[in-house]
Amino acid sequence: MEARISSTEYRRLLGQKREAAQAHALRTETFRKRLAAVILEDPVRALEAATVTLSNKKAPRQQWSRRQWEELLRTRTMEDIATLLVRPPEEFQTLMDCHPFGGLASAVHGR
């Protein structure tokens, strides 16, 4: 037997889903802004943290993102990368969600 919900309940669930997505987007934006500030504050430390992360070949990082991040770190300034984190163009949206700056997490969360 198939369970059905009323149209009122369905609309309520859609509203909850939309609110959850908006809250997630706000948390992501806030985190990226904090991360960008940490990168700009100490670009050398940020580059070192990213390099360490990317050099760990045992990490469960996808190869496509590793290659793209290595390319970005070679060809862009840390200021450019901070800007990409805060305002990523469509083609970089997914890549910004798997950034190699995990080593800076304590500095980001301390803000």
PDB file of N, CA and C in Angstrom:
ATOM      1  N   MET A   1       0.830  -1.174   0.000  1.00  0.00           N
ATOM      2  CA  MET A   1       0.000   0.000   0.000  1.00  0.00           C
ATOM      3  C   MET A   1       0.885   1.252   0.000  1.00  0.00           C
ATOM      4  N   GLU A   2       0.590   2.164  -0.847  1.00  0.00           N
ATOM      5  CA  GLU A   2       1.376   3.377  -1.014  1.00  0.00           C
ATOM      6  C   GLU A   2       0.874   4.480  -0.081  1.00  0.00           C
ATOM      7  N   ALA A   3       1.803   5.083   0.649  1.00  0.00           N
ATOM      8  CA  ALA A   3       1.438   6.182   1.546  1.00  0.00           C
ATOM      9  C   ALA A   3       1.329   7.468   0.739  1.00  0.00           C
ATOM     10  N   ARG A   4       0.332   8.246   1.049  1.00  0.00           N
ATOM     11  CA  ARG A   4       0.134   9.530   0.362  1.00  0.00           C
ATOM     12  C   ARG A   4       0.021  10.628   1.407  1.00  0.00           C
ATOM     13  N   ILE A   5       0.437  11.827   0.984  1.00  0.00           N
ATOM     14  CA  ILE A   5       0.279  12.965   1.878  1.00  0.00           C
ATOM     15  C   ILE A   5      -0.622  13.984   1.199  1.00  0.00           C
ATOM     16  N   SER A   6      -1.193  14.823   2.001  1.00  0.00           N
ATOM     17  CA  SER A   6      -2.081  15.850   1.461  1.00  0.00           C
ATOM     18  C   SER A   6      -1.261  16.933   0.763  1.00  0.00           C
ATOM     19  N   SER A   7      -1.926  17.713  -0.054  1.00  0.00           N
ATOM     20  CA  SER A   7      -1.227  18.808  -0.739  1.00  0.00           C
ATOM     21  C   SER A   7      -0.733  19.845   0.275  1.00  0.00           C
ATOM     22  N   THR A   8      -1.453  20.019   1.370  1.00  0.00           N
ATOM     23  CA  THR A   8      -1.022  20.946   2.421  1.00  0.00           C
ATOM     24  C   THR A   8       0.271  20.453   3.065  1.00  0.00           C
ATOM     25  N   GLU A   9       0.303  19.168   3.399  1.00  0.00           N
ATOM     26  CA  GLU A   9       1.496  18.581   3.998  1.00  0.00           C
ATOM     27  C   GLU A   9       2.675  18.632   3.011  1.00  0.00           C
ATOM     28  N   TYR A  10       2.400  18.384   1.751  1.00  0.00           N
ATOM     29  CA  TYR A  10       3.452  18.435   0.723  1.00  0.00           C
ATOM     30  C   TYR A  10       4.033  19.841   0.628  1.00  0.00           C
ATOM     31  N   ARG A  11       3.185  20.853   0.623  1.00  0.00           N
ATOM     32  CA  ARG A  11       3.663  22.239   0.566  1.00  0.00           C
ATOM     33  C   ARG A  11       4.482  22.579   1.811  1.00  0.00           C
ATOM     34  N   ARG A  12       4.048  22.096   2.957  1.00  0.00           N
ATOM     35  CA  ARG A  12       4.794  22.327   4.193  1.00  0.00           C
ATOM     36  C   ARG A  12       6.176  21.685   4.108  1.00  0.00           C
ATOM     37  N   LEU A  13       6.232  20.466   3.605  1.00  0.00           N
ATOM     38  CA  LEU A  13       7.522  19.781   3.458  1.00  0.00           C
ATOM     39  C   LEU A  13       8.429  20.500   2.471  1.00  0.00           C
ATOM     40  N   LEU A  14       7.858  20.988   1.381  1.00  0.00           N
ATOM     41  CA  LEU A  14       8.650  21.756   0.409  1.00  0.00           C
ATOM     42  C   LEU A  14       9.202  23.025   1.043  1.00  0.00           C
ATOM     43  N   GLY A  15       8.393  23.678   1.863  1.00  0.00           N
ATOM     44  CA  GLY A  15       8.850  24.877   2.565  1.00  0.00           C
ATOM     45  C   GLY A  15       9.990  24.566   3.514  1.00  0.00           C
ATOM     46  N   GLN A  16       9.896  23.459   4.229  1.00  0.00           N
ATOM     47  CA  GLN A  16      10.969  23.055   5.139  1.00  0.00           C
ATOM     48  C   GLN A  16      12.246  22.742   4.365  1.00  0.00           C
ATOM     49  N   LYS A  17      12.085  22.088   3.239  1.00  0.00           N
ATOM     50  CA  LYS A  17      13.250  21.764   2.406  1.00  0.00           C
ATOM     51  C   LYS A  17      13.908  23.042   1.891  1.00  0.00           C
ATOM     52  N   ARG A  18      13.114  23.989   1.451  1.00  0.00           N
ATOM     53  CA  ARG A  18      13.635  25.265   0.962  1.00  0.00           C
ATOM     54  C   ARG A  18      14.363  26.017   2.088  1.00  0.00           C
ATOM     55  N   GLU A  19      13.775  26.034   3.285  1.00  0.00           N
ATOM     56  CA  GLU A  19      14.413  26.692   4.427  1.00  0.00           C
ATOM     57  C   GLU A  19      15.733  26.026   4.788  1.00  0.00           C
ATOM     58  N   ALA A  20      15.767  24.699   4.756  1.00  0.00           N
ATOM     59  CA  ALA A  20      17.005  23.969   5.066  1.00  0.00           C
ATOM     60  C   ALA A  20      18.076  24.281   4.029  1.00  0.00           C
ATOM     61  N   ALA A  21      17.691  24.347   2.761  1.00  0.00           N
ATOM     62  CA  ALA A  21      18.654  24.662   1.694  1.00  0.00           C
ATOM     63  C   ALA A  21      19.185  26.083   1.857  1.00  0.00           C
ATOM     64  N   GLN A  22      18.322  27.017   2.220  1.00  0.00           N
ATOM     65  CA  GLN A  22      18.761  28.397   2.427  1.00  0.00           C
ATOM     66  C   GLN A  22      19.701  28.508   3.626  1.00  0.00           C
ATOM     67  N   ALA A  23      19.395  27.774   4.697  1.00  0.00           N
ATOM     68  CA  ALA A  23      20.263  27.789   5.879  1.00  0.00           C
ATOM     69  C   ALA A  23      21.626  27.194   5.546  1.00  0.00           C
ATOM     70  N   HIS A  24      21.637  26.121   4.764  1.00  0.00           N
ATOM     71  CA  HIS A  24      22.904  25.506   4.360  1.00  0.00           C
ATOM     72  C   HIS A  24      23.712  26.473   3.498  1.00  0.00           C
ATOM     73  N   ALA A  25      23.053  27.140   2.561  1.00  0.00           N
ATOM     74  CA  ALA A  25      23.743  28.102   1.692  1.00  0.00           C
ATOM     75  C   ALA A  25      24.340  29.238   2.514  1.00  0.00           C
ATOM     76  N   LEU A  26      23.623  29.700   3.524  1.00  0.00           N
ATOM     77  CA  LEU A  26      24.127  30.776   4.382  1.00  0.00           C
ATOM     78  C   LEU A  26      25.340  30.307   5.188  1.00  0.00           C
ATOM     79  N   ARG A  27      25.283  29.084   5.740  1.00  0.00           N
ATOM     80  CA  ARG A  27      26.434  28.545   6.480  1.00  0.00           C
ATOM     81  C   ARG A  27      27.640  28.403   5.560  1.00  0.00           C
ATOM     82  N   THR A  28      27.417  27.918   4.355  1.00  0.00           N
ATOM     83  CA  THR A  28      28.504  27.752   3.389  1.00  0.00           C
ATOM     84  C   THR A  28      29.118  29.101   3.041  1.00  0.00           C
ATOM     85  N   GLU A  29      28.289  30.087   2.780  1.00  0.00           N
ATOM     86  CA  GLU A  29      28.778  31.430   2.440  1.00  0.00           C
ATOM     87  C   GLU A  29      29.583  32.023   3.596  1.00  0.00           C
ATOM     88  N   THR A  30      29.075  31.881   4.813  1.00  0.00           N
ATOM     89  CA  THR A  30      29.768  32.405   5.989  1.00  0.00           C
ATOM     90  C   THR A  30      31.120  31.720   6.164  1.00  0.00           C
ATOM     91  N   PHE A  31      31.139  30.400   6.026  1.00  0.00           N
ATOM     92  CA  PHE A  31      32.395  29.667   6.167  1.00  0.00           C
ATOM     93  C   PHE A  31      33.395  30.099   5.099  1.00  0.00           C
ATOM     94  N   ARG A  32      32.940  30.213   3.856  1.00  0.00           N
ATOM     95  CA  ARG A  32      33.854  30.611   2.777  1.00  0.00           C
ATOM     96  C   ARG A  32      34.411  32.009   2.990  1.00  0.00           C
ATOM     97  N   LYS A  33      33.603  32.918   3.500  1.00  0.00           N
ATOM     98  CA  LYS A  33      34.092  34.275   3.782  1.00  0.00           C
ATOM     99  C   LYS A  33      35.161  34.241   4.867  1.00  0.00           C
ATOM    100  N   ARG A  34      34.930  33.452   5.900  1.00  0.00           N
ATOM    101  CA  ARG A  34      35.920  33.329   6.972  1.00  0.00           C
ATOM    102  C   ARG A  34      37.198  32.693   6.444  1.00  0.00           C
ATOM    103  N   LEU A  35      37.056  31.654   5.634  1.00  0.00           N
ATOM    104  CA  LEU A  35      38.222  30.995   5.054  1.00  0.00           C
ATOM    105  C   LEU A  35      38.996  31.961   4.166  1.00  0.00           C
ATOM    106  N   ALA A  36      38.301  32.728   3.355  1.00  0.00           N
ATOM    107  CA  ALA A  36      38.963  33.718   2.495  1.00  0.00           C
ATOM    108  C   ALA A  36      39.729  34.731   3.336  1.00  0.00           C
ATOM    109  N   ALA A  37      39.157  35.145   4.459  1.00  0.00           N
ATOM    110  CA  ALA A  37      39.846  36.104   5.333  1.00  0.00           C
ATOM    111  C   ALA A  37      41.118  35.496   5.912  1.00  0.00           C
ATOM    112  N   VAL A  38      41.056  34.226   6.304  1.00  0.00           N
ATOM    113  CA  VAL A  38      42.245  33.546   6.834  1.00  0.00           C
ATOM    114  C   VAL A  38      43.307  33.431   5.743  1.00  0.00           C
ATOM    115  N   ILE A  39      42.903  33.115   4.523  1.00  0.00           N
ATOM    116  CA  ILE A  39      43.841  33.009   3.399  1.00  0.00           C
ATOM    117  C   ILE A  39      44.520  34.355   3.142  1.00  0.00           C
ATOM    118  N   LEU A  40      43.740  35.422   3.143  1.00  0.00           N
ATOM    119  CA  LEU A  40      44.310  36.747   2.893  1.00  0.00           C
ATOM    120  C   LEU A  40      45.198  37.212   4.038  1.00  0.00           C
ATOM    121  N   GLU A  41      44.861  36.801   5.241  1.00  0.00           N
ATOM    122  CA  GLU A  41      45.643  37.181   6.419  1.00  0.00           C
ATOM    123  C   GLU A  41      47.039  36.556   6.399  1.00  0.00           C
ATOM    124  N   ASP A  42      47.120  35.317   5.934  1.00  0.00           N
ATOM    125  CA  ASP A  42      48.412  34.622   5.908  1.00  0.00           C
ATOM    126  C   ASP A  42      48.474  33.707   4.678  1.00  0.00           C
ATOM    127  N   PRO A  43      48.708  34.311   3.496  1.00  0.00           N
ATOM    128  CA  PRO A  43      48.703  33.541   2.259  1.00  0.00           C
ATOM    129  C   PRO A  43      49.759  32.433   2.212  1.00  0.00           C
ATOM    130  N   VAL A  44      50.896  32.659   2.843  1.00  0.00           N
ATOM    131  CA  VAL A  44      51.955  31.639   2.844  1.00  0.00           C
ATOM    132  C   VAL A  44      51.482  30.407   3.611  1.00  0.00           C
ATOM    133  N   ARG A  45      50.909  30.622   4.774  1.00  0.00           N
ATOM    134  CA  ARG A  45      50.375  29.506   5.570  1.00  0.00           C
ATOM    135  C   ARG A  45      49.262  28.784   4.807  1.00  0.00           C
ATOM    136  N   ALA A  46      48.409  29.543   4.142  1.00  0.00           N
ATOM    137  CA  ALA A  46      47.307  28.943   3.376  1.00  0.00           C
ATOM    138  C   ALA A  46      47.844  28.079   2.243  1.00  0.00           C
ATOM    139  N   LEU A  47      48.826  28.582   1.528  1.00  0.00           N
ATOM    140  CA  LEU A  47      49.419  27.804   0.438  1.00  0.00           C
ATOM    141  C   LEU A  47      50.081  26.541   0.975  1.00  0.00           C
ATOM    142  N   GLU A  48      50.773  26.660   2.086  1.00  0.00           N
ATOM    143  CA  GLU A  48      51.404  25.484   2.692  1.00  0.00           C
ATOM    144  C   GLU A  48      50.356  24.453   3.103  1.00  0.00           C
ATOM    145  N   ALA A  49      49.257  24.897   3.708  1.00  0.00           N
ATOM    146  CA  ALA A  49      48.189  23.978   4.128  1.00  0.00           C
ATOM    147  C   ALA A  49      47.585  23.263   2.916  1.00  0.00           C
ATOM    148  N   ALA A  50      47.352  24.002   1.846  1.00  0.00           N
ATOM    149  CA  ALA A  50      46.788  23.400   0.636  1.00  0.00           C
ATOM    150  C   ALA A  50      47.766  22.416   0.012  1.00  0.00           C
ATOM    151  N   THR A  51      49.029  22.769  -0.004  1.00  0.00           N
ATOM    152  CA  THR A  51      50.051  21.893  -0.582  1.00  0.00           C
ATOM    153  C   THR A  51      50.145  20.578   0.199  1.00  0.00           C
ATOM    154  N   VAL A  52      50.114  20.671   1.516  1.00  0.00           N
ATOM    155  CA  VAL A  52      50.152  19.455   2.348  1.00  0.00           C
ATOM    156  C   VAL A  52      48.932  18.587   2.054  1.00  0.00           C
ATOM    157  N   THR A  53      47.770  19.200   2.009  1.00  0.00           N
ATOM    158  CA  THR A  53      46.546  18.449   1.737  1.00  0.00           C
ATOM    159  C   THR A  53      46.620  17.757   0.377  1.00  0.00           C
ATOM    160  N   LEU A  54      47.033  18.481  -0.628  1.00  0.00           N
ATOM    161  CA  LEU A  54      47.083  17.914  -1.982  1.00  0.00           C
ATOM    162  C   LEU A  54      48.186  16.874  -2.147  1.00  0.00           C
ATOM    163  N   SER A  55      49.219  16.935  -1.321  1.00  0.00           N
ATOM    164  CA  SER A  55      50.312  15.961  -1.437  1.00  0.00           C
ATOM    165  C   SER A  55      49.960  14.610  -0.810  1.00  0.00           C
ATOM    166  N   ASN A  56      48.906  14.572  -0.015  1.00  0.00           N
ATOM    167  CA  ASN A  56      48.482  13.323   0.623  1.00  0.00           C
ATOM    168  C   ASN A  56      47.684  12.503  -0.391  1.00  0.00           C
ATOM    169  N   LYS A  57      48.375  11.630  -1.083  1.00  0.00           N
ATOM    170  CA  LYS A  57      47.743  10.833  -2.143  1.00  0.00           C
ATOM    171  C   LYS A  57      46.810   9.766  -1.579  1.00  0.00           C
ATOM    172  N   LYS A  58      46.898   9.486  -0.276  1.00  0.00           N
ATOM    173  CA  LYS A  58      46.021   8.490   0.340  1.00  0.00           C
ATOM    174  C   LYS A  58      44.679   9.090   0.754  1.00  0.00           C
ATOM    175  N   ALA A  59      44.603  10.402   0.759  1.00  0.00           N
ATOM    176  CA  ALA A  59      43.360  11.062   1.146  1.00  0.00           C
ATOM    177  C   ALA A  59      42.270  10.744   0.130  1.00  0.00           C
ATOM    178  N   PRO A  60      41.051  10.670   0.596  1.00  0.00           N
ATOM    179  CA  PRO A  60      39.947  10.332  -0.320  1.00  0.00           C
ATOM    180  C   PRO A  60      39.519  11.519  -1.180  1.00  0.00           C
ATOM    181  N   ARG A  61      40.483  12.169  -1.761  1.00  0.00           N
ATOM    182  CA  ARG A  61      40.205  13.326  -2.625  1.00  0.00           C
ATOM    183  C   ARG A  61      40.073  12.832  -4.067  1.00  0.00           C
ATOM    184  N   GLN A  62      39.101  13.341  -4.742  1.00  0.00           N
ATOM    185  CA  GLN A  62      38.917  12.963  -6.134  1.00  0.00           C
ATOM    186  C   GLN A  62      40.054  13.521  -6.976  1.00  0.00           C
ATOM    187  N   GLN A  63      40.480  12.745  -7.933  1.00  0.00           N
ATOM    188  CA  GLN A  63      41.604  13.163  -8.770  1.00  0.00           C
ATOM    189  C   GLN A  63      41.316  14.438  -9.556  1.00  0.00           C
ATOM    190  N   TRP A  64      40.090  14.598 -10.035  1.00  0.00           N
ATOM    191  CA  TRP A  64      39.779  15.800 -10.820  1.00  0.00           C
ATOM    192  C   TRP A  64      39.945  17.050  -9.971  1.00  0.00           C
ATOM    193  N   SER A  65      39.516  16.996  -8.706  1.00  0.00           N
ATOM    194  CA  SER A  65      39.632  18.192  -7.880  1.00  0.00           C
ATOM    195  C   SER A  65      41.081  18.443  -7.490  1.00  0.00           C
ATOM    196  N   ARG A  66      41.850  17.385  -7.272  1.00  0.00           N
ATOM    197  CA  ARG A  66      43.270  17.546  -6.957  1.00  0.00           C
ATOM    198  C   ARG A  66      43.974  18.264  -8.110  1.00  0.00           C
ATOM    199  N   ARG A  67      43.745  17.783  -9.319  1.00  0.00           N
ATOM    200  CA  ARG A  67      44.390  18.398 -10.496  1.00  0.00           C
ATOM    201  C   ARG A  67      43.951  19.856 -10.663  1.00  0.00           C
ATOM    202  N   GLN A  68      42.663  20.111 -10.495  1.00  0.00           N
ATOM    203  CA  GLN A  68      42.181  21.488 -10.663  1.00  0.00           C
ATOM    204  C   GLN A  68      42.740  22.413  -9.590  1.00  0.00           C
ATOM    205  N   TRP A  69      42.816  21.929  -8.352  1.00  0.00           N
ATOM    206  CA  TRP A  69      43.373  22.766  -7.298  1.00  0.00           C
ATOM    207  C   TRP A  69      44.866  22.991  -7.489  1.00  0.00           C
ATOM    208  N   GLU A  70      45.574  21.976  -7.915  1.00  0.00           N
ATOM    209  CA  GLU A  70      47.005  22.156  -8.193  1.00  0.00           C
ATOM    210  C   GLU A  70      47.195  23.212  -9.280  1.00  0.00           C
ATOM    211  N   GLU A  71      46.354  23.168 -10.291  1.00  0.00           N
ATOM    212  CA  GLU A  71      46.410  24.160 -11.376  1.00  0.00           C
ATOM    213  C   GLU A  71      46.085  25.565 -10.850  1.00  0.00           C
ATOM    214  N   LEU A  72      45.039  25.689 -10.043  1.00  0.00           N
ATOM    215  CA  LEU A  72      44.692  26.997  -9.479  1.00  0.00           C
ATOM    216  C   LEU A  72      45.827  27.557  -8.631  1.00  0.00           C
ATOM    217  N   LEU A  73      46.421  26.711  -7.803  1.00  0.00           N
ATOM    218  CA  LEU A  73      47.496  27.178  -6.926  1.00  0.00           C
ATOM    219  C   LEU A  73      48.746  27.579  -7.705  1.00  0.00           C
ATOM    220  N   ARG A  74      48.933  26.984  -8.886  1.00  0.00           N
ATOM    221  CA  ARG A  74      50.074  27.346  -9.739  1.00  0.00           C
ATOM    222  C   ARG A  74      49.821  28.627 -10.527  1.00  0.00           C
ATOM    223  N   THR A  75      48.560  28.869 -10.892  1.00  0.00           N
ATOM    224  CA  THR A  75      48.272  29.933 -11.851  1.00  0.00           C
ATOM    225  C   THR A  75      47.546  31.141 -11.281  1.00  0.00           C
ATOM    226  N   ARG A  76      47.078  31.053 -10.063  1.00  0.00           N
ATOM    227  CA  ARG A  76      46.325  32.163  -9.464  1.00  0.00           C
ATOM    228  C   ARG A  76      47.013  32.646  -8.197  1.00  0.00           C
ATOM    229  N   THR A  77      46.760  33.880  -7.857  1.00  0.00           N
ATOM    230  CA  THR A  77      47.259  34.410  -6.589  1.00  0.00           C
ATOM    231  C   THR A  77      46.321  33.936  -5.477  1.00  0.00           C
ATOM    232  N   MET A  78      46.787  34.047  -4.251  1.00  0.00           N
ATOM    233  CA  MET A  78      45.938  33.670  -3.131  1.00  0.00           C
ATOM    234  C   MET A  78      44.759  34.640  -3.020  1.00  0.00           C
ATOM    235  N   GLU A  79      44.951  35.878  -3.452  1.00  0.00           N
ATOM    236  CA  GLU A  79      43.842  36.839  -3.469  1.00  0.00           C
ATOM    237  C   GLU A  79      42.765  36.381  -4.451  1.00  0.00           C
ATOM    238  N   ASP A  80      43.199  35.892  -5.620  1.00  0.00           N
ATOM    239  CA  ASP A  80      42.242  35.357  -6.605  1.00  0.00           C
ATOM    240  C   ASP A  80      41.483  34.171  -6.022  1.00  0.00           C
ATOM    241  N   ILE A  81      42.201  33.298  -5.341  1.00  0.00           N
ATOM    242  CA  ILE A  81      41.578  32.104  -4.772  1.00  0.00           C
ATOM    243  C   ILE A  81      40.586  32.488  -3.679  1.00  0.00           C
ATOM    244  N   ALA A  82      40.943  33.459  -2.851  1.00  0.00           N
ATOM    245  CA  ALA A  82      40.014  33.932  -1.822  1.00  0.00           C
ATOM    246  C   ALA A  82      38.738  34.477  -2.465  1.00  0.00           C
ATOM    247  N   THR A  83      38.890  35.207  -3.553  1.00  0.00           N
ATOM    248  CA  THR A  83      37.728  35.739  -4.265  1.00  0.00           C
ATOM    249  C   THR A  83      36.890  34.610  -4.848  1.00  0.00           C
ATOM    250  N   LEU A  84      37.536  33.595  -5.411  1.00  0.00           N
ATOM    251  CA  LEU A  84      36.801  32.452  -5.957  1.00  0.00           C
ATOM    252  C   LEU A  84      35.994  31.746  -4.877  1.00  0.00           C
ATOM    253  N   LEU A  85      36.560  31.635  -3.689  1.00  0.00           N
ATOM    254  CA  LEU A  85      35.835  30.987  -2.591  1.00  0.00           C
ATOM    255  C   LEU A  85      34.571  31.757  -2.221  1.00  0.00           C
ATOM    256  N   VAL A  86      34.673  33.077  -2.209  1.00  0.00           N
ATOM    257  CA  VAL A  86      33.548  33.913  -1.789  1.00  0.00           C
ATOM    258  C   VAL A  86      32.524  34.092  -2.905  1.00  0.00           C
ATOM    259  N   ARG A  87      33.000  34.282  -4.120  1.00  0.00           N
ATOM    260  CA  ARG A  87      32.102  34.510  -5.259  1.00  0.00           C
ATOM    261  C   ARG A  87      32.496  33.600  -6.431  1.00  0.00           C
ATOM    262  N   PRO A  88      32.287  32.301  -6.280  1.00  0.00           N
ATOM    263  CA  PRO A  88      32.712  31.405  -7.354  1.00  0.00           C
ATOM    264  C   PRO A  88      31.802  31.492  -8.580  1.00  0.00           C
ATOM    265  N   PRO A  89      32.404  31.593  -9.759  1.00  0.00           N
ATOM    266  CA  PRO A  89      31.579  31.502 -10.966  1.00  0.00           C
ATOM    267  C   PRO A  89      31.016  30.081 -11.057  1.00  0.00           C
ATOM    268  N   GLU A  90      30.018  29.916 -11.848  1.00  0.00           N
ATOM    269  CA  GLU A  90      29.317  28.624 -11.965  1.00  0.00           C
ATOM    270  C   GLU A  90      30.270  27.447 -12.152  1.00  0.00           C
ATOM    271  N   GLU A  91      31.281  27.608 -13.004  1.00  0.00           N
ATOM    272  CA  GLU A  91      32.186  26.483 -13.298  1.00  0.00           C
ATOM    273  C   GLU A  91      33.073  26.092 -12.111  1.00  0.00           C
ATOM    274  N   PHE A  92      33.151  26.933 -11.083  1.00  0.00           N
ATOM    275  CA  PHE A  92      33.970  26.624  -9.908  1.00  0.00           C
ATOM    276  C   PHE A  92      33.143  26.281  -8.666  1.00  0.00           C
ATOM    277  N   GLN A  93      31.818  26.289  -8.756  1.00  0.00           N
ATOM    278  CA  GLN A  93      30.967  26.036  -7.595  1.00  0.00           C
ATOM    279  C   GLN A  93      31.335  24.722  -6.897  1.00  0.00           C
ATOM    280  N   THR A  94      31.353  23.634  -7.630  1.00  0.00           N
ATOM    281  CA  THR A  94      31.629  22.321  -7.041  1.00  0.00           C
ATOM    282  C   THR A  94      33.050  22.256  -6.506  1.00  0.00           C
ATOM    283  N   LEU A  95      33.989  22.812  -7.226  1.00  0.00           N
ATOM    284  CA  LEU A  95      35.385  22.785  -6.798  1.00  0.00           C
ATOM    285  C   LEU A  95      35.573  23.523  -5.470  1.00  0.00           C
ATOM    286  N   MET A  96      34.863  24.611  -5.267  1.00  0.00           N
ATOM    287  CA  MET A  96      35.006  25.366  -4.030  1.00  0.00           C
ATOM    288  C   MET A  96      34.469  24.590  -2.825  1.00  0.00           C
ATOM    289  N   ASP A  97      33.603  23.614  -3.075  1.00  0.00           N
ATOM    290  CA  ASP A  97      33.089  22.780  -1.988  1.00  0.00           C
ATOM    291  C   ASP A  97      34.077  21.702  -1.569  1.00  0.00           C
ATOM    292  N   CYS A  98      35.133  21.493  -2.334  1.00  0.00           N
ATOM    293  CA  CYS A  98      36.134  20.475  -1.969  1.00  0.00           C
ATOM    294  C   CYS A  98      37.526  21.095  -1.993  1.00  0.00           C
ATOM    295  N   HIS A  99      37.650  22.226  -1.315  1.00  0.00           N
ATOM    296  CA  HIS A  99      38.902  22.966  -1.271  1.00  0.00           C
ATOM    297  C   HIS A  99      39.949  22.227  -0.424  1.00  0.00           C
ATOM    298  N   PRO A 100      41.236  22.517  -0.633  1.00  0.00           N
ATOM    299  CA  PRO A 100      42.310  21.845   0.118  1.00  0.00           C
ATOM    300  C   PRO A 100      42.784  22.619   1.350  1.00  0.00           C
ATOM    301  N   PHE A 101      41.936  23.466   1.903  1.00  0.00           N
ATOM    302  CA  PHE A 101      42.351  24.308   3.024  1.00  0.00           C
ATOM    303  C   PHE A 101      41.873  23.794   4.377  1.00  0.00           C
ATOM    304  N   GLY A 102      41.645  22.502   4.476  1.00  0.00           N
ATOM    305  CA  GLY A 102      41.199  21.912   5.731  1.00  0.00           C
ATOM    306  C   GLY A 102      42.147  22.156   6.878  1.00  0.00           C
ATOM    307  N   GLY A 103      43.443  22.293   6.584  1.00  0.00           N
ATOM    308  CA  GLY A 103      44.430  22.564   7.623  1.00  0.00           C
ATOM    309  C   GLY A 103      44.242  23.911   8.298  1.00  0.00           C
ATOM    310  N   LEU A 104      43.401  24.753   7.723  1.00  0.00           N
ATOM    311  CA  LEU A 104      43.130  26.077   8.293  1.00  0.00           C
ATOM    312  C   LEU A 104      41.840  26.099   9.099  1.00  0.00           C
ATOM    313  N   ALA A 105      41.215  24.944   9.270  1.00  0.00           N
ATOM    314  CA  ALA A 105      39.897  24.880   9.908  1.00  0.00           C
ATOM    315  C   ALA A 105      39.870  25.519  11.293  1.00  0.00           C
ATOM    316  N   SER A 106      40.899  25.269  12.096  1.00  0.00           N
ATOM    317  CA  SER A 106      40.874  25.838  13.448  1.00  0.00           C
ATOM    318  C   SER A 106      40.907  27.362  13.401  1.00  0.00           C
ATOM    319  N   ALA A 107      41.637  27.919  12.452  1.00  0.00           N
ATOM    320  CA  ALA A 107      41.687  29.378  12.316  1.00  0.00           C
ATOM    321  C   ALA A 107      40.352  29.922  11.830  1.00  0.00           C
ATOM    322  N   VAL A 108      39.683  29.181  10.963  1.00  0.00           N
ATOM    323  CA  VAL A 108      38.388  29.617  10.424  1.00  0.00           C
ATOM    324  C   VAL A 108      37.334  29.562  11.515  1.00  0.00           C
ATOM    325  N   HIS A 109      37.296  28.476  12.259  1.00  0.00           N
ATOM    326  CA  HIS A 109      36.264  28.316  13.281  1.00  0.00           C
ATOM    327  C   HIS A 109      36.478  29.231  14.476  1.00  0.00           C
ATOM    328  N   GLY A 110      37.693  29.729  14.619  1.00  0.00           N
ATOM    329  CA  GLY A 110      37.983  30.642  15.715  1.00  0.00           C
ATOM    330  C   GLY A 110      37.505  32.060  15.453  1.00  0.00           C
ATOM    331  N   ARG A 111      36.996  32.312  14.275  1.00  0.00           N
ATOM    332  CA  ARG A 111      36.549  33.667  13.894  1.00  0.00           C
ATOM    333  C   ARG A 111      35.110  33.887  14.266  1.00  0.00           C
TER     334      ARG A 111
END
